[in-house]
């Protein structure tokens, strides 16, 4: 599968500048910007306009909640997440609120809302790293997640920091160009 670090067709600057950074500054994020991130999720599309997402967040000064969230992360993510001033857990409601059936698209919708949040972060001078590396059972316990919700991903958010603050292996990955599969690897104008 072929990859490239070159943007081959025009895309918005928000997409060009989005990066899953690991190097965060310890500078706190202003409350207004935090609310702006979640306002962006309000306007994400969702199946039947259910907006099945729920977010739990903690800033570094909310030590008890921040530590409960941090404790859920895999050891590899803890190495750099310790510097992030904002941690977010994203969750999806499993069932529709107005129908008796399961919402088969809830996690898809949550992913869309997380993308809106990530692009809004770039607009605000922030970066987001979404993490699937966490202990699901511990997250359910630590965050007291009811059965009616499923944990999606955790997100570390902050102003970009100095890659030199990272261990050497992560520093090299942080400084490497972003690569993505070429369109020809995943876009088809035909059936399989």
C-alpha atoms as a PDB file:
ATOM      1  CA  UNK A   1       0.000   0.000   0.000  1.00  0.00           C
ATOM      2  CA  UNK A   2       1.434   3.315  -1.090  1.00  0.00           C
ATOM      3  CA  UNK A   3       1.696   6.314   1.233  1.00  0.00           C
ATOM      4  CA  UNK A   4       2.695   9.925   0.778  1.00  0.00           C
ATOM      5  CA  UNK A   5       3.229  12.977   2.971  1.00  0.00           C
ATOM      6  CA  UNK A   6       2.145  15.330   0.163  1.00  0.00           C
ATOM      7  CA  UNK A   7      -1.364  16.780   0.062  1.00  0.00           C
ATOM      8  CA  UNK A   8      -2.305  16.017  -3.521  1.00  0.00           C
ATOM      9  CA  UNK A   9      -5.605  17.893  -3.839  1.00  0.00           C
ATOM     10  CA  UNK A  10      -6.844  21.058  -2.148  1.00  0.00           C
ATOM     11  CA  UNK A  11      -8.185  20.669   1.402  1.00  0.00           C
ATOM     12  CA  UNK A  12      -8.992  23.273   4.034  1.00  0.00           C
ATOM     13  CA  UNK A  13      -6.118  24.608   6.145  1.00  0.00           C
ATOM     14  CA  UNK A  14      -7.726  23.062   9.247  1.00  0.00           C
ATOM     15  CA  UNK A  15      -7.165  19.609   7.765  1.00  0.00           C
ATOM     16  CA  UNK A  16      -3.673  20.517   6.548  1.00  0.00           C
ATOM     17  CA  UNK A  17      -2.669  21.720  10.026  1.00  0.00           C
ATOM     18  CA  UNK A  18      -4.306  18.981  12.117  1.00  0.00           C
ATOM     19  CA  UNK A  19      -1.803  16.645  13.700  1.00  0.00           C
ATOM     20  CA  UNK A  20      -2.091  13.874  16.288  1.00  0.00           C
ATOM     21  CA  UNK A  21       0.574  15.469  18.425  1.00  0.00           C
ATOM     22  CA  UNK A  22       2.239  13.923  21.454  1.00  0.00           C
ATOM     23  CA  UNK A  23       4.167  17.030  22.517  1.00  0.00           C
ATOM     24  CA  UNK A  24       1.907  19.282  24.577  1.00  0.00           C
ATOM     25  CA  UNK A  25       2.617  22.534  26.344  1.00  0.00           C
ATOM     26  CA  UNK A  26       1.530  22.653  29.984  1.00  0.00           C
ATOM     27  CA  UNK A  27      -0.200  26.000  29.310  1.00  0.00           C
ATOM     28  CA  UNK A  28      -3.822  25.710  30.514  1.00  0.00           C
ATOM     29  CA  UNK A  29      -6.594  25.963  27.942  1.00  0.00           C
ATOM     30  CA  UNK A  30      -8.974  28.857  28.458  1.00  0.00           C
ATOM     31  CA  UNK A  31     -12.507  27.864  29.504  1.00  0.00           C
ATOM     32  CA  UNK A  32     -14.011  29.638  26.509  1.00  0.00           C
ATOM     33  CA  UNK A  33     -11.924  27.468  24.175  1.00  0.00           C
ATOM     34  CA  UNK A  34     -12.976  24.283  25.974  1.00  0.00           C
ATOM     35  CA  UNK A  35     -16.623  25.232  25.497  1.00  0.00           C
ATOM     36  CA  UNK A  36     -15.881  26.018  21.855  1.00  0.00           C
ATOM     37  CA  UNK A  37     -14.575  22.466  21.343  1.00  0.00           C
ATOM     38  CA  UNK A  38     -17.809  20.984  22.650  1.00  0.00           C
ATOM     39  CA  UNK A  39     -19.927  23.495  20.729  1.00  0.00           C
ATOM     40  CA  UNK A  40     -18.330  22.109  17.563  1.00  0.00           C
ATOM     41  CA  UNK A  41     -19.566  18.624  18.494  1.00  0.00           C
ATOM     42  CA  UNK A  42     -23.129  19.936  18.826  1.00  0.00           C
ATOM     43  CA  UNK A  43     -23.156  20.656  15.106  1.00  0.00           C
ATOM     44  CA  UNK A  44     -21.801  17.308  13.921  1.00  0.00           C
ATOM     45  CA  UNK A  45     -24.209  15.180  11.869  1.00  0.00           C
ATOM     46  CA  UNK A  46     -25.728  12.065  13.423  1.00  0.00           C
ATOM     47  CA  UNK A  47     -28.202   9.339  12.591  1.00  0.00           C
ATOM     48  CA  UNK A  48     -31.762  10.644  13.158  1.00  0.00           C
ATOM     49  CA  UNK A  49     -30.091  13.735  14.703  1.00  0.00           C
ATOM     50  CA  UNK A  50     -29.687  11.685  17.913  1.00  0.00           C
ATOM     51  CA  UNK A  51     -26.379  13.291  18.856  1.00  0.00           C
ATOM     52  CA  UNK A  52     -25.540  10.168  20.899  1.00  0.00           C
ATOM     53  CA  UNK A  53     -22.236  11.507  22.218  1.00  0.00           C
ATOM     54  CA  UNK A  54     -21.393  12.394  25.785  1.00  0.00           C
ATOM     55  CA  UNK A  55     -18.076  13.823  26.936  1.00  0.00           C
ATOM     56  CA  UNK A  56     -16.404  13.730  30.320  1.00  0.00           C
ATOM     57  CA  UNK A  57     -13.499  16.146  30.601  1.00  0.00           C
ATOM     58  CA  UNK A  58     -10.972  17.254  33.173  1.00  0.00           C
ATOM     59  CA  UNK A  59      -8.338  19.964  33.228  1.00  0.00           C
ATOM     60  CA  UNK A  60      -5.052  19.547  35.116  1.00  0.00           C
ATOM     61  CA  UNK A  61      -6.346  21.668  37.993  1.00  0.00           C
ATOM     62  CA  UNK A  62      -9.207  19.162  38.488  1.00  0.00           C
ATOM     63  CA  UNK A  63      -6.685  16.723  39.888  1.00  0.00           C
ATOM     64  CA  UNK A  64      -9.022  13.986  41.155  1.00  0.00           C
ATOM     65  CA  UNK A  65     -10.971  13.576  37.908  1.00  0.00           C
ATOM     66  CA  UNK A  66      -7.903  14.134  35.703  1.00  0.00           C
ATOM     67  CA  UNK A  67      -6.046  11.374  37.581  1.00  0.00           C
ATOM     68  CA  UNK A  68      -9.022   8.980  37.322  1.00  0.00           C
ATOM     69  CA  UNK A  69      -8.981   9.494  33.566  1.00  0.00           C
ATOM     70  CA  UNK A  70      -5.187   9.340  33.276  1.00  0.00           C
ATOM     71  CA  UNK A  71      -5.186   6.078  35.249  1.00  0.00           C
ATOM     72  CA  UNK A  72      -7.254   4.429  32.465  1.00  0.00           C
ATOM     73  CA  UNK A  73      -4.607   5.010  29.792  1.00  0.00           C
ATOM     74  CA  UNK A  74      -2.113   2.417  28.587  1.00  0.00           C
ATOM     75  CA  UNK A  75       1.422   2.957  29.858  1.00  0.00           C
ATOM     76  CA  UNK A  76       2.636   4.009  26.402  1.00  0.00           C
ATOM     77  CA  UNK A  77       0.102   6.842  26.278  1.00  0.00           C
ATOM     78  CA  UNK A  78       0.871   7.967  29.834  1.00  0.00           C
ATOM     79  CA  UNK A  79       4.454   8.819  28.828  1.00  0.00           C
ATOM     80  CA  UNK A  80       3.357  11.896  26.912  1.00  0.00           C
ATOM     81  CA  UNK A  81      -0.251  12.464  28.046  1.00  0.00           C
ATOM     82  CA  UNK A  82       1.060  13.548  31.463  1.00  0.00           C
ATOM     83  CA  UNK A  83       1.740  16.980  29.920  1.00  0.00           C
ATOM     84  CA  UNK A  84      -1.700  17.475  28.319  1.00  0.00           C
ATOM     85  CA  UNK A  85      -3.715  20.163  30.117  1.00  0.00           C
ATOM     86  CA  UNK A  86      -7.061  18.648  29.062  1.00  0.00           C
ATOM     87  CA  UNK A  87      -8.232  15.036  28.982  1.00  0.00           C
ATOM     88  CA  UNK A  88     -11.546  14.016  27.451  1.00  0.00           C
ATOM     89  CA  UNK A  89     -13.344  10.680  27.420  1.00  0.00           C
ATOM     90  CA  UNK A  90     -15.811  10.319  24.557  1.00  0.00           C
ATOM     91  CA  UNK A  91     -18.821   8.049  24.949  1.00  0.00           C
ATOM     92  CA  UNK A  92     -21.801   7.046  22.834  1.00  0.00           C
ATOM     93  CA  UNK A  93     -25.340   6.245  23.949  1.00  0.00           C
ATOM     94  CA  UNK A  94     -26.082   2.704  22.747  1.00  0.00           C
ATOM     95  CA  UNK A  95     -29.824   3.130  22.094  1.00  0.00           C
ATOM     96  CA  UNK A  96     -31.954   5.760  20.419  1.00  0.00           C
ATOM     97  CA  UNK A  97     -33.752   8.084  22.817  1.00  0.00           C
ATOM     98  CA  UNK A  98     -36.964   8.132  20.761  1.00  0.00           C
ATOM     99  CA  UNK A  99     -37.012   4.538  19.516  1.00  0.00           C
ATOM    100  CA  UNK A 100     -36.710   1.268  21.422  1.00  0.00           C
ATOM    101  CA  UNK A 101     -33.916  -0.044  19.205  1.00  0.00           C
ATOM    102  CA  UNK A 102     -30.135  -0.025  19.431  1.00  0.00           C
ATOM    103  CA  UNK A 103     -28.379   2.774  17.562  1.00  0.00           C
ATOM    104  CA  UNK A 104     -26.067   0.824  15.251  1.00  0.00           C
ATOM    105  CA  UNK A 105     -24.436   4.078  14.111  1.00  0.00           C
ATOM    106  CA  UNK A 106     -23.738   5.640  17.514  1.00  0.00           C
ATOM    107  CA  UNK A 107     -19.982   4.993  17.422  1.00  0.00           C
ATOM    108  CA  UNK A 108     -19.798   6.258  13.851  1.00  0.00           C
ATOM    109  CA  UNK A 109     -21.578   9.429  14.951  1.00  0.00           C
ATOM    110  CA  UNK A 110     -19.234   9.786  17.933  1.00  0.00           C
ATOM    111  CA  UNK A 111     -16.267   9.570  15.568  1.00  0.00           C
ATOM    112  CA  UNK A 112     -17.759  12.360  13.468  1.00  0.00           C
ATOM    113  CA  UNK A 113     -18.273  14.540  16.548  1.00  0.00           C
ATOM    114  CA  UNK A 114     -14.689  13.842  17.640  1.00  0.00           C
ATOM    115  CA  UNK A 115     -13.501  14.943  14.199  1.00  0.00           C
ATOM    116  CA  UNK A 116     -15.426  18.210  14.506  1.00  0.00           C
ATOM    117  CA  UNK A 117     -13.846  18.725  17.947  1.00  0.00           C
ATOM    118  CA  UNK A 118     -10.382  18.038  16.512  1.00  0.00           C
ATOM    119  CA  UNK A 119     -10.796  20.518  13.658  1.00  0.00           C
ATOM    120  CA  UNK A 120     -12.178  23.175  16.011  1.00  0.00           C
ATOM    121  CA  UNK A 121      -9.094  22.634  18.164  1.00  0.00           C
ATOM    122  CA  UNK A 122      -6.852  23.482  15.205  1.00  0.00           C
ATOM    123  CA  UNK A 123      -8.899  26.650  14.619  1.00  0.00           C
ATOM    124  CA  UNK A 124      -8.162  27.614  18.249  1.00  0.00           C
ATOM    125  CA  UNK A 125      -4.411  26.934  18.030  1.00  0.00           C
ATOM    126  CA  UNK A 126      -4.726  23.604  19.848  1.00  0.00           C
ATOM    127  CA  UNK A 127      -4.056  20.005  18.831  1.00  0.00           C
ATOM    128  CA  UNK A 128      -5.797  16.746  19.777  1.00  0.00           C
ATOM    129  CA  UNK A 129      -4.537  13.200  20.010  1.00  0.00           C
ATOM    130  CA  UNK A 130      -7.263  10.567  20.094  1.00  0.00           C
ATOM    131  CA  UNK A 131      -6.336   7.400  21.971  1.00  0.00           C
ATOM    132  CA  UNK A 132      -7.769   3.904  21.744  1.00  0.00           C
ATOM    133  CA  UNK A 133      -5.013   2.697  24.075  1.00  0.00           C
ATOM    134  CA  UNK A 134      -6.844   2.517  27.388  1.00  0.00           C
ATOM    135  CA  UNK A 135      -8.265  -0.032  29.795  1.00  0.00           C
ATOM    136  CA  UNK A 136     -11.990  -0.246  28.986  1.00  0.00           C
ATOM    137  CA  UNK A 137     -13.118  -1.967  32.216  1.00  0.00           C
ATOM    138  CA  UNK A 138     -11.124   0.530  34.286  1.00  0.00           C
ATOM    139  CA  UNK A 139     -12.646   3.437  32.349  1.00  0.00           C
ATOM    140  CA  UNK A 140     -16.151   2.116  33.035  1.00  0.00           C
ATOM    141  CA  UNK A 141     -15.378   1.876  36.770  1.00  0.00           C
ATOM    142  CA  UNK A 142     -13.358   5.091  37.157  1.00  0.00           C
ATOM    143  CA  UNK A 143     -15.879   7.198  35.233  1.00  0.00           C
ATOM    144  CA  UNK A 144     -18.946   5.337  36.557  1.00  0.00           C
ATOM    145  CA  UNK A 145     -20.189   4.730  33.009  1.00  0.00           C
ATOM    146  CA  UNK A 146     -23.722   3.295  32.945  1.00  0.00           C
ATOM    147  CA  UNK A 147     -24.592   0.263  30.788  1.00  0.00           C
ATOM    148  CA  UNK A 148     -26.403   2.515  28.358  1.00  0.00           C
ATOM    149  CA  UNK A 149     -23.120   4.040  27.117  1.00  0.00           C
ATOM    150  CA  UNK A 150     -20.017   2.741  25.381  1.00  0.00           C
ATOM    151  CA  UNK A 151     -16.624   4.402  25.767  1.00  0.00           C
ATOM    152  CA  UNK A 152     -15.186   5.468  22.415  1.00  0.00           C
ATOM    153  CA  UNK A 153     -11.738   7.012  22.731  1.00  0.00           C
ATOM    154  CA  UNK A 154      -9.872   9.298  25.083  1.00  0.00           C
ATOM    155  CA  UNK A 155      -8.577  12.598  23.744  1.00  0.00           C
ATOM    156  CA  UNK A 156      -5.583  14.579  24.962  1.00  0.00           C
ATOM    157  CA  UNK A 157      -5.848  18.272  24.084  1.00  0.00           C
ATOM    158  CA  UNK A 158      -3.454  21.171  24.409  1.00  0.00           C
ATOM    159  CA  UNK A 159      -1.281  23.768  22.803  1.00  0.00           C
ATOM    160  CA  UNK A 160       1.588  22.240  20.828  1.00  0.00           C
ATOM    161  CA  UNK A 161       4.684  21.661  22.950  1.00  0.00           C
ATOM    162  CA  UNK A 162       8.358  21.073  22.340  1.00  0.00           C
ATOM    163  CA  UNK A 163       9.079  17.656  20.772  1.00  0.00           C
ATOM    164  CA  UNK A 164      12.449  17.725  22.594  1.00  0.00           C
ATOM    165  CA  UNK A 165      10.484  17.045  25.796  1.00  0.00           C
ATOM    166  CA  UNK A 166       9.596  13.562  24.533  1.00  0.00           C
ATOM    167  CA  UNK A 167      11.668  10.389  24.863  1.00  0.00           C
ATOM    168  CA  UNK A 168      13.911   9.936  21.810  1.00  0.00           C
ATOM    169  CA  UNK A 169      11.752   7.292  20.084  1.00  0.00           C
ATOM    170  CA  UNK A 170       8.603   9.433  20.396  1.00  0.00           C
ATOM    171  CA  UNK A 171      10.485  12.606  19.472  1.00  0.00           C
ATOM    172  CA  UNK A 172      11.509  11.029  16.145  1.00  0.00           C
ATOM    173  CA  UNK A 173       7.912   9.995  15.461  1.00  0.00           C
ATOM    174  CA  UNK A 174       6.661  13.474  16.411  1.00  0.00           C
ATOM    175  CA  UNK A 175       9.064  15.175  13.997  1.00  0.00           C
ATOM    176  CA  UNK A 176       8.509  12.734  11.120  1.00  0.00           C
ATOM    177  CA  UNK A 177       6.267  13.909   8.253  1.00  0.00           C
ATOM    178  CA  UNK A 178       2.654  12.761   8.410  1.00  0.00           C
ATOM    179  CA  UNK A 179       1.975  10.066   5.853  1.00  0.00           C
ATOM    180  CA  UNK A 180      -1.344   8.874   4.512  1.00  0.00           C
ATOM    181  CA  UNK A 181      -2.397   6.193   2.067  1.00  0.00           C
ATOM    182  CA  UNK A 182      -2.857   7.476  -1.472  1.00  0.00           C
ATOM    183  CA  UNK A 183      -6.473   7.736  -2.640  1.00  0.00           C
ATOM    184  CA  UNK A 184      -5.935   4.902  -5.111  1.00  0.00           C
ATOM    185  CA  UNK A 185      -5.541   2.571  -2.105  1.00  0.00           C
ATOM    186  CA  UNK A 186      -9.023   3.209  -0.672  1.00  0.00           C
ATOM    187  CA  UNK A 187     -11.227   5.000  -3.227  1.00  0.00           C
ATOM    188  CA  UNK A 188     -12.917   2.973  -5.970  1.00  0.00           C
ATOM    189  CA  UNK A 189     -15.119   4.049  -8.819  1.00  0.00           C
ATOM    190  CA  UNK A 190     -16.229   0.430  -9.316  1.00  0.00           C
ATOM    191  CA  UNK A 191     -17.447  -2.518  -7.287  1.00  0.00           C
ATOM    192  CA  UNK A 192     -15.049  -4.884  -5.537  1.00  0.00           C
END
